[in-house]
Amino acid sequence: LQKNNKFHQVAQQALNIEDLLHVIQTSLSVMNEQWADAINIFHEKFDFLSDLITDHGLDSSSQEAFLSLLGGARTYPAVHRFLVNSLGEV
């Protein structure tokens, strides 16, 4: 009787582990999809910023424009427009 009980406990633990593995796999799949979507949105927005910088006749890259903004230097009109379009009124 004790052996049957032990086997039942081990079988139940194995099922629980299988269930947990399924939950983990599903969660990782969802996280991977959300990450890919976020990266695509990021690239779309930065492509838009690069286009704005070019349209305003500036020679700097989007990275240089943001570093200038972070450094407290003058904000490029293209960066301001990008921030307004991305975040709402600044």
PDB file of N, CA and C in Angstrom:
ATOM      1  N   LEU A   1       0.826  -1.201   0.000  1.00  0.00           N
ATOM      2  CA  LEU A   1       0.000   0.000   0.000  1.00  0.00           C
ATOM      3  C   LEU A   1       0.867   1.261   0.000  1.00  0.00           C
ATOM      4  N   GLN A   2       1.949   1.233   0.801  1.00  0.00           N
ATOM      5  CA  GLN A   2       2.840   2.397   0.840  1.00  0.00           C
ATOM      6  C   GLN A   2       3.536   2.600  -0.502  1.00  0.00           C
ATOM      7  N   LYS A   3       3.909   1.485  -1.165  1.00  0.00           N
ATOM      8  CA  LYS A   3       4.560   1.607  -2.467  1.00  0.00           C
ATOM      9  C   LYS A   3       3.616   2.240  -3.479  1.00  0.00           C
ATOM     10  N   ASN A   4       2.352   1.813  -3.465  1.00  0.00           N
ATOM     11  CA  ASN A   4       1.372   2.394  -4.389  1.00  0.00           C
ATOM     12  C   ASN A   4       1.185   3.881  -4.115  1.00  0.00           C
ATOM     13  N   ASN A   5       1.174   4.232  -2.849  1.00  0.00           N
ATOM     14  CA  ASN A   5       1.026   5.631  -2.468  1.00  0.00           C
ATOM     15  C   ASN A   5       2.223   6.448  -2.947  1.00  0.00           C
ATOM     16  N   LYS A   6       3.427   5.907  -2.784  1.00  0.00           N
ATOM     17  CA  LYS A   6       4.650   6.594  -3.243  1.00  0.00           C
ATOM     18  C   LYS A   6       4.631   6.761  -4.760  1.00  0.00           C
ATOM     19  N   PHE A   7       4.250   5.676  -5.474  1.00  0.00           N
ATOM     20  CA  PHE A   7       4.182   5.762  -6.937  1.00  0.00           C
ATOM     21  C   PHE A   7       3.171   6.820  -7.374  1.00  0.00           C
ATOM     22  N   HIS A   8       2.048   6.863  -6.674  1.00  0.00           N
ATOM     23  CA  HIS A   8       1.024   7.862  -6.994  1.00  0.00           C
ATOM     24  C   HIS A   8       1.567   9.278  -6.765  1.00  0.00           C
ATOM     25  N   GLN A   9       2.282   9.486  -5.676  1.00  0.00           N
ATOM     26  CA  GLN A   9       2.864  10.802  -5.384  1.00  0.00           C
ATOM     27  C   GLN A   9       3.884  11.203  -6.447  1.00  0.00           C
ATOM     28  N   VAL A  10       4.732  10.265  -6.841  1.00  0.00           N
ATOM     29  CA  VAL A  10       5.741  10.550  -7.862  1.00  0.00           C
ATOM     30  C   VAL A  10       5.067  10.872  -9.192  1.00  0.00           C
ATOM     31  N   ALA A  11       4.044  10.101  -9.540  1.00  0.00           N
ATOM     32  CA  ALA A  11       3.316  10.354 -10.791  1.00  0.00           C
ATOM     33  C   ALA A  11       2.653  11.726 -10.753  1.00  0.00           C
ATOM     34  N   GLN A  12       2.079  12.080  -9.623  1.00  0.00           N
ATOM     35  CA  GLN A  12       1.430  13.391  -9.491  1.00  0.00           C
ATOM     36  C   GLN A  12       2.461  14.519  -9.603  1.00  0.00           C
ATOM     37  N   GLN A  13       3.616  14.351  -8.996  1.00  0.00           N
ATOM     38  CA  GLN A  13       4.676  15.357  -9.096  1.00  0.00           C
ATOM     39  C   GLN A  13       5.157  15.495 -10.534  1.00  0.00           C
ATOM     40  N   ALA A  14       5.257  14.378 -11.245  1.00  0.00           N
ATOM     41  CA  ALA A  14       5.671  14.429 -12.652  1.00  0.00           C
ATOM     42  C   ALA A  14       4.652  15.204 -13.478  1.00  0.00           C
ATOM     43  N   LEU A  15       3.367  14.981 -13.227  1.00  0.00           N
ATOM     44  CA  LEU A  15       2.322  15.731 -13.937  1.00  0.00           C
ATOM     45  C   LEU A  15       2.398  17.221 -13.606  1.00  0.00           C
ATOM     46  N   ASN A  16       2.637  17.526 -12.341  1.00  0.00           N
ATOM     47  CA  ASN A  16       2.764  18.930 -11.940  1.00  0.00           C
ATOM     48  C   ASN A  16       3.948  19.591 -12.639  1.00  0.00           C
ATOM     49  N   ILE A  17       5.054  18.873 -12.741  1.00  0.00           N
ATOM     50  CA  ILE A  17       6.237  19.410 -13.423  1.00  0.00           C
ATOM     51  C   ILE A  17       5.942  19.629 -14.902  1.00  0.00           C
ATOM     52  N   GLU A  18       5.246  18.680 -15.529  1.00  0.00           N
ATOM     53  CA  GLU A  18       4.872  18.843 -16.937  1.00  0.00           C
ATOM     54  C   GLU A  18       3.991  20.074 -17.121  1.00  0.00           C
ATOM     55  N   ASP A  19       3.033  20.269 -16.213  1.00  0.00           N
ATOM     56  CA  ASP A  19       2.163  21.451 -16.283  1.00  0.00           C
ATOM     57  C   ASP A  19       2.974  22.737 -16.149  1.00  0.00           C
ATOM     58  N   LEU A  20       3.905  22.753 -15.208  1.00  0.00           N
ATOM     59  CA  LEU A  20       4.746  23.936 -15.015  1.00  0.00           C
ATOM     60  C   LEU A  20       5.612  24.209 -16.240  1.00  0.00           C
ATOM     61  N   LEU A  21       6.156  23.162 -16.836  1.00  0.00           N
ATOM     62  CA  LEU A  21       6.960  23.342 -18.049  1.00  0.00           C
ATOM     63  C   LEU A  21       6.122  23.922 -19.178  1.00  0.00           C
ATOM     64  N   HIS A  22       4.889  23.474 -19.293  1.00  0.00           N
ATOM     65  CA  HIS A  22       3.998  24.015 -20.324  1.00  0.00           C
ATOM     66  C   HIS A  22       3.731  25.503 -20.082  1.00  0.00           C
ATOM     67  N   VAL A  23       3.481  25.863 -18.833  1.00  0.00           N
ATOM     68  CA  VAL A  23       3.249  27.273 -18.488  1.00  0.00           C
ATOM     69  C   VAL A  23       4.486  28.108 -18.815  1.00  0.00           C
ATOM     70  N   ILE A  24       5.656  27.603 -18.493  1.00  0.00           N
ATOM     71  CA  ILE A  24       6.906  28.326 -18.771  1.00  0.00           C
ATOM     72  C   ILE A  24       7.105  28.494 -20.266  1.00  0.00           C
ATOM     73  N   GLN A  25       6.878  27.431 -21.033  1.00  0.00           N
ATOM     74  CA  GLN A  25       7.042  27.520 -22.486  1.00  0.00           C
ATOM     75  C   GLN A  25       6.067  28.524 -23.090  1.00  0.00           C
ATOM     76  N   THR A  26       4.827  28.507 -22.636  1.00  0.00           N
ATOM     77  CA  THR A  26       3.829  29.454 -23.128  1.00  0.00           C
ATOM     78  C   THR A  26       4.223  30.880 -22.766  1.00  0.00           C
ATOM     79  N   SER A  27       4.667  31.083 -21.538  1.00  0.00           N
ATOM     80  CA  SER A  27       5.083  32.422 -21.095  1.00  0.00           C
ATOM     81  C   SER A  27       6.261  32.933 -21.910  1.00  0.00           C
ATOM     82  N   LEU A  28       7.235  32.076 -22.156  1.00  0.00           N
ATOM     83  CA  LEU A  28       8.394  32.482 -22.956  1.00  0.00           C
ATOM     84  C   LEU A  28       7.991  32.822 -24.383  1.00  0.00           C
ATOM     85  N   SER A  29       7.059  32.082 -24.926  1.00  0.00           N
ATOM     86  CA  SER A  29       6.581  32.359 -26.277  1.00  0.00           C
ATOM     87  C   SER A  29       5.900  33.725 -26.344  1.00  0.00           C
ATOM     88  N   VAL A  30       5.056  34.018 -25.363  1.00  0.00           N
ATOM     89  CA  VAL A  30       4.376  35.316 -25.311  1.00  0.00           C
ATOM     90  C   VAL A  30       5.393  36.437 -25.121  1.00  0.00           C
ATOM     91  N   MET A  31       6.355  36.240 -24.230  1.00  0.00           N
ATOM     92  CA  MET A  31       7.387  37.251 -23.996  1.00  0.00           C
ATOM     93  C   MET A  31       8.201  37.501 -25.259  1.00  0.00           C
ATOM     94  N   ASN A  32       8.535  36.453 -25.976  1.00  0.00           N
ATOM     95  CA  ASN A  32       9.298  36.587 -27.208  1.00  0.00           C
ATOM     96  C   ASN A  32       8.518  37.396 -28.241  1.00  0.00           C
ATOM     97  N   GLU A  33       7.228  37.121 -28.356  1.00  0.00           N
ATOM     98  CA  GLU A  33       6.389  37.859 -29.301  1.00  0.00           C
ATOM     99  C   GLU A  33       6.288  39.331 -28.911  1.00  0.00           C
ATOM    100  N   GLN A  34       6.097  39.605 -27.626  1.00  0.00           N
ATOM    101  CA  GLN A  34       6.003  40.988 -27.160  1.00  0.00           C
ATOM    102  C   GLN A  34       7.323  41.722 -27.362  1.00  0.00           C
ATOM    103  N   TRP A  35       8.435  41.054 -27.130  1.00  0.00           N
ATOM    104  CA  TRP A  35       9.749  41.661 -27.343  1.00  0.00           C
ATOM    105  C   TRP A  35       9.929  42.020 -28.812  1.00  0.00           C
ATOM    106  N   ALA A  36       9.577  41.097 -29.705  1.00  0.00           N
ATOM    107  CA  ALA A  36       9.704  41.345 -31.141  1.00  0.00           C
ATOM    108  C   ALA A  36       8.831  42.528 -31.558  1.00  0.00           C
ATOM    109  N   ASP A  37       7.611  42.616 -31.029  1.00  0.00           N
ATOM    110  CA  ASP A  37       6.733  43.748 -31.337  1.00  0.00           C
ATOM    111  C   ASP A  37       7.336  45.057 -30.837  1.00  0.00           C
ATOM    112  N   ALA A  38       7.880  45.040 -29.624  1.00  0.00           N
ATOM    113  CA  ALA A  38       8.481  46.252 -29.059  1.00  0.00           C
ATOM    114  C   ALA A  38       9.686  46.706 -29.877  1.00  0.00           C
ATOM    115  N   ILE A  39      10.514  45.778 -30.307  1.00  0.00           N
ATOM    116  CA  ILE A  39      11.685  46.124 -31.119  1.00  0.00           C
ATOM    117  C   ILE A  39      11.248  46.700 -32.459  1.00  0.00           C
ATOM    118  N   ASN A  40      10.207  46.129 -33.060  1.00  0.00           N
ATOM    119  CA  ASN A  40       9.699  46.663 -34.327  1.00  0.00           C
ATOM    120  C   ASN A  40       9.194  48.090 -34.162  1.00  0.00           C
ATOM    121  N   ILE A  41       8.461  48.349 -33.089  1.00  0.00           N
ATOM    122  CA  ILE A  41       7.966  49.706 -32.826  1.00  0.00           C
ATOM    123  C   ILE A  41       9.136  50.657 -32.608  1.00  0.00           C
ATOM    124  N   PHE A  42      10.131  50.220 -31.852  1.00  0.00           N
ATOM    125  CA  PHE A  42      11.318  51.034 -31.607  1.00  0.00           C
ATOM    126  C   PHE A  42      11.982  51.422 -32.929  1.00  0.00           C
ATOM    127  N   HIS A  43      12.181  50.437 -33.808  1.00  0.00           N
ATOM    128  CA  HIS A  43      12.833  50.717 -35.087  1.00  0.00           C
ATOM    129  C   HIS A  43      11.978  51.631 -35.962  1.00  0.00           C
ATOM    130  N   GLU A  44      10.665  51.443 -35.963  1.00  0.00           N
ATOM    131  CA  GLU A  44       9.785  52.323 -36.731  1.00  0.00           C
ATOM    132  C   GLU A  44       9.919  53.765 -36.253  1.00  0.00           C
ATOM    133  N   LYS A  45       9.916  53.959 -34.935  1.00  0.00           N
ATOM    134  CA  LYS A  45      10.006  55.318 -34.392  1.00  0.00           C
ATOM    135  C   LYS A  45      11.363  55.947 -34.700  1.00  0.00           C
ATOM    136  N   PHE A  46      12.433  55.180 -34.582  1.00  0.00           N
ATOM    137  CA  PHE A  46      13.743  55.757 -34.853  1.00  0.00           C
ATOM    138  C   PHE A  46      13.974  55.974 -36.342  1.00  0.00           C
ATOM    139  N   ASP A  47      13.351  55.154 -37.179  1.00  0.00           N
ATOM    140  CA  ASP A  47      13.400  55.429 -38.618  1.00  0.00           C
ATOM    141  C   ASP A  47      12.691  56.745 -38.907  1.00  0.00           C
ATOM    142  N   PHE A  48      11.569  56.976 -38.224  1.00  0.00           N
ATOM    143  CA  PHE A  48      10.835  58.228 -38.371  1.00  0.00           C
ATOM    144  C   PHE A  48      11.702  59.407 -37.917  1.00  0.00           C
ATOM    145  N   LEU A  49      12.418  59.256 -36.817  1.00  0.00           N
ATOM    146  CA  LEU A  49      13.297  60.321 -36.335  1.00  0.00           C
ATOM    147  C   LEU A  49      14.406  60.595 -37.341  1.00  0.00           C
ATOM    148  N   SER A  50      14.996  59.548 -37.884  1.00  0.00           N
ATOM    149  CA  SER A  50      16.050  59.740 -38.888  1.00  0.00           C
ATOM    150  C   SER A  50      15.512  60.500 -40.091  1.00  0.00           C
ATOM    151  N   ASP A  51      14.292  60.160 -40.514  1.00  0.00           N
ATOM    152  CA  ASP A  51      13.667  60.875 -41.631  1.00  0.00           C
ATOM    153  C   ASP A  51      13.436  62.340 -41.278  1.00  0.00           C
ATOM    154  N   LEU A  52      12.979  62.602 -40.056  1.00  0.00           N
ATOM    155  CA  LEU A  52      12.757  63.988 -39.624  1.00  0.00           C
ATOM    156  C   LEU A  52      14.063  64.772 -39.625  1.00  0.00           C
ATOM    157  N   ILE A  53      15.122  64.167 -39.138  1.00  0.00           N
ATOM    158  CA  ILE A  53      16.425  64.845 -39.098  1.00  0.00           C
ATOM    159  C   ILE A  53      16.875  65.181 -40.510  1.00  0.00           C
ATOM    160  N   THR A  54      16.716  64.234 -41.417  1.00  0.00           N
ATOM    161  CA  THR A  54      17.087  64.476 -42.814  1.00  0.00           C
ATOM    162  C   THR A  54      16.209  65.565 -43.414  1.00  0.00           C
ATOM    163  N   ASP A  55      14.900  65.510 -43.160  1.00  0.00           N
ATOM    164  CA  ASP A  55      13.965  66.506 -43.695  1.00  0.00           C
ATOM    165  C   ASP A  55      14.281  67.908 -43.192  1.00  0.00           C
ATOM    166  N   HIS A  56      14.830  68.024 -41.977  1.00  0.00           N
ATOM    167  CA  HIS A  56      15.184  69.333 -41.431  1.00  0.00           C
ATOM    168  C   HIS A  56      16.584  69.775 -41.868  1.00  0.00           C
ATOM    169  N   GLY A  57      17.211  68.981 -42.703  1.00  0.00           N
ATOM    170  CA  GLY A  57      18.509  69.363 -43.250  1.00  0.00           C
ATOM    171  C   GLY A  57      19.657  69.263 -42.271  1.00  0.00           C
ATOM    172  N   LEU A  58      19.529  68.435 -41.262  1.00  0.00           N
ATOM    173  CA  LEU A  58      20.597  68.288 -40.277  1.00  0.00           C
ATOM    174  C   LEU A  58      21.525  67.156 -40.692  1.00  0.00           C
ATOM    175  N   ASP A  59      22.788  67.290 -40.335  1.00  0.00           N
ATOM    176  CA  ASP A  59      23.781  66.274 -40.691  1.00  0.00           C
ATOM    177  C   ASP A  59      23.999  65.238 -39.592  1.00  0.00           C
ATOM    178  N   SER A  60      23.352  65.411 -38.455  1.00  0.00           N
ATOM    179  CA  SER A  60      23.614  64.503 -37.334  1.00  0.00           C
ATOM    180  C   SER A  60      22.730  63.261 -37.429  1.00  0.00           C
ATOM    181  N   SER A  61      23.132  62.254 -36.680  1.00  0.00           N
ATOM    182  CA  SER A  61      22.344  61.023 -36.610  1.00  0.00           C
ATOM    183  C   SER A  61      21.310  61.156 -35.491  1.00  0.00           C
ATOM    184  N   SER A  62      20.384  60.209 -35.444  1.00  0.00           N
ATOM    185  CA  SER A  62      19.390  60.243 -34.369  1.00  0.00           C
ATOM    186  C   SER A  62      20.060  60.064 -33.005  1.00  0.00           C
ATOM    187  N   GLN A  63      21.136  59.263 -32.954  1.00  0.00           N
ATOM    188  CA  GLN A  63      21.859  59.082 -31.691  1.00  0.00           C
ATOM    189  C   GLN A  63      22.495  60.397 -31.243  1.00  0.00           C
ATOM    190  N   GLU A  64      23.096  61.126 -32.175  1.00  0.00           N
ATOM    191  CA  GLU A  64      23.718  62.413 -31.833  1.00  0.00           C
ATOM    192  C   GLU A  64      22.668  63.413 -31.374  1.00  0.00           C
ATOM    193  N   ALA A  65      21.512  63.406 -32.008  1.00  0.00           N
ATOM    194  CA  ALA A  65      20.444  64.326 -31.623  1.00  0.00           C
ATOM    195  C   ALA A  65      19.972  64.030 -30.203  1.00  0.00           C
ATOM    196  N   PHE A  66      19.820  62.757 -29.855  1.00  0.00           N
ATOM    197  CA  PHE A  66      19.404  62.408 -28.504  1.00  0.00           C
ATOM    198  C   PHE A  66      20.490  62.707 -27.482  1.00  0.00           C
ATOM    199  N   LEU A  67      21.737  62.458 -27.819  1.00  0.00           N
ATOM    200  CA  LEU A  67      22.821  62.800 -26.893  1.00  0.00           C
ATOM    201  C   LEU A  67      22.856  64.296 -26.639  1.00  0.00           C
ATOM    202  N   SER A  68      22.605  65.071 -27.662  1.00  0.00           N
ATOM    203  CA  SER A  68      22.544  66.521 -27.510  1.00  0.00           C
ATOM    204  C   SER A  68      21.408  66.907 -26.572  1.00  0.00           C
ATOM    205  N   LEU A  69      20.267  66.263 -26.736  1.00  0.00           N
ATOM    206  CA  LEU A  69      19.119  66.521 -25.868  1.00  0.00           C
ATOM    207  C   LEU A  69      19.442  66.143 -24.420  1.00  0.00           C
ATOM    208  N   LEU A  70      20.038  64.976 -24.222  1.00  0.00           N
ATOM    209  CA  LEU A  70      20.379  64.525 -22.872  1.00  0.00           C
ATOM    210  C   LEU A  70      21.456  65.390 -22.231  1.00  0.00           C
ATOM    211  N   GLY A  71      22.351  65.911 -23.049  1.00  0.00           N
ATOM    212  CA  GLY A  71      23.423  66.753 -22.539  1.00  0.00           C
ATOM    213  C   GLY A  71      22.984  68.166 -22.220  1.00  0.00           C
ATOM    214  N   GLY A  72      21.717  68.467 -22.466  1.00  0.00           N
ATOM    215  CA  GLY A  72      21.199  69.791 -22.152  1.00  0.00           C
ATOM    216  C   GLY A  72      21.472  70.821 -23.220  1.00  0.00           C
ATOM    217  N   ALA A  73      21.976  70.384 -24.351  1.00  0.00           N
ATOM    218  CA  ALA A  73      22.223  71.320 -25.444  1.00  0.00           C
ATOM    219  C   ALA A  73      20.892  71.671 -26.111  1.00  0.00           C
ATOM    220  N   ARG A  74      20.987  72.503 -27.113  1.00  0.00           N
ATOM    221  CA  ARG A  74      19.799  72.932 -27.845  1.00  0.00           C
ATOM    222  C   ARG A  74      19.084  71.717 -28.436  1.00  0.00           C
ATOM    223  N   THR A  75      17.763  71.711 -28.317  1.00  0.00           N
ATOM    224  CA  THR A  75      16.968  70.624 -28.889  1.00  0.00           C
ATOM    225  C   THR A  75      16.730  70.896 -30.359  1.00  0.00           C
ATOM    226  N   TYR A  76      17.030  69.914 -31.175  1.00  0.00           N
ATOM    227  CA  TYR A  76      16.751  70.035 -32.602  1.00  0.00           C
ATOM    228  C   TYR A  76      15.239  70.061 -32.821  1.00  0.00           C
ATOM    229  N   PRO A  77      14.757  70.866 -33.762  1.00  0.00           N
ATOM    230  CA  PRO A  77      13.317  70.854 -34.065  1.00  0.00           C
ATOM    231  C   PRO A  77      12.819  69.455 -34.438  1.00  0.00           C
ATOM    232  N   ALA A  78      13.656  68.694 -35.119  1.00  0.00           N
ATOM    233  CA  ALA A  78      13.257  67.338 -35.504  1.00  0.00           C
ATOM    234  C   ALA A  78      13.053  66.456 -34.275  1.00  0.00           C
ATOM    235  N   VAL A  79      13.925  66.614 -33.270  1.00  0.00           N
ATOM    236  CA  VAL A  79      13.786  65.822 -32.039  1.00  0.00           C
ATOM    237  C   VAL A  79      12.539  66.253 -31.284  1.00  0.00           C
ATOM    238  N   HIS A  80      12.287  67.554 -31.236  1.00  0.00           N
ATOM    239  CA  HIS A  80      11.088  68.049 -30.564  1.00  0.00           C
ATOM    240  C   HIS A  80       9.835  67.487 -31.226  1.00  0.00           C
ATOM    241  N   ARG A  81       9.796  67.528 -32.543  1.00  0.00           N
ATOM    242  CA  ARG A  81       8.636  66.997 -33.269  1.00  0.00           C
ATOM    243  C   ARG A  81       8.496  65.492 -33.020  1.00  0.00           C
ATOM    244  N   PHE A  82       9.608  64.790 -33.016  1.00  0.00           N
ATOM    245  CA  PHE A  82       9.589  63.349 -32.742  1.00  0.00           C
ATOM    246  C   PHE A  82       9.011  63.073 -31.355  1.00  0.00           C
ATOM    247  N   LEU A  83       9.454  63.832 -30.356  1.00  0.00           N
ATOM    248  CA  LEU A  83       8.961  63.632 -28.994  1.00  0.00           C
ATOM    249  C   LEU A  83       7.474  63.941 -28.889  1.00  0.00           C
ATOM    250  N   VAL A  84       7.034  65.007 -29.554  1.00  0.00           N
ATOM    251  CA  VAL A  84       5.612  65.349 -29.539  1.00  0.00           C
ATOM    252  C   VAL A  84       4.799  64.237 -30.194  1.00  0.00           C
ATOM    253  N   ASN A  85       5.262  63.758 -31.341  1.00  0.00           N
ATOM    254  CA  ASN A  85       4.531  62.697 -32.042  1.00  0.00           C
ATOM    255  C   ASN A  85       4.547  61.386 -31.268  1.00  0.00           C
ATOM    256  N   SER A  86       5.634  61.104 -30.565  1.00  0.00           N
ATOM    257  CA  SER A  86       5.766  59.825 -29.863  1.00  0.00           C
ATOM    258  C   SER A  86       5.137  59.839 -28.477  1.00  0.00           C
ATOM    259  N   LEU A  87       5.286  60.951 -27.782  1.00  0.00           N
ATOM    260  CA  LEU A  87       4.876  60.998 -26.379  1.00  0.00           C
ATOM    261  C   LEU A  87       3.678  61.890 -26.110  1.00  0.00           C
ATOM    262  N   GLY A  88       3.273  62.664 -27.092  1.00  0.00           N
ATOM    263  CA  GLY A  88       2.242  63.654 -26.873  1.00  0.00           C
ATOM    264  C   GLY A  88       2.905  65.002 -26.668  1.00  0.00           C
ATOM    265  N   GLU A  89       2.139  65.995 -26.304  1.00  0.00           N
ATOM    266  CA  GLU A  89       2.676  67.349 -26.137  1.00  0.00           C
ATOM    267  C   GLU A  89       3.758  67.356 -25.078  1.00  0.00           C
ATOM    268  N   VAL A  90       4.902  67.977 -25.401  1.00  0.00           N
ATOM    269  CA  VAL A  90       6.043  68.012 -24.488  1.00  0.00           C
ATOM    270  C   VAL A  90       6.090  69.349 -23.780  1.00  0.00           C
TER     271      VAL A  90
END
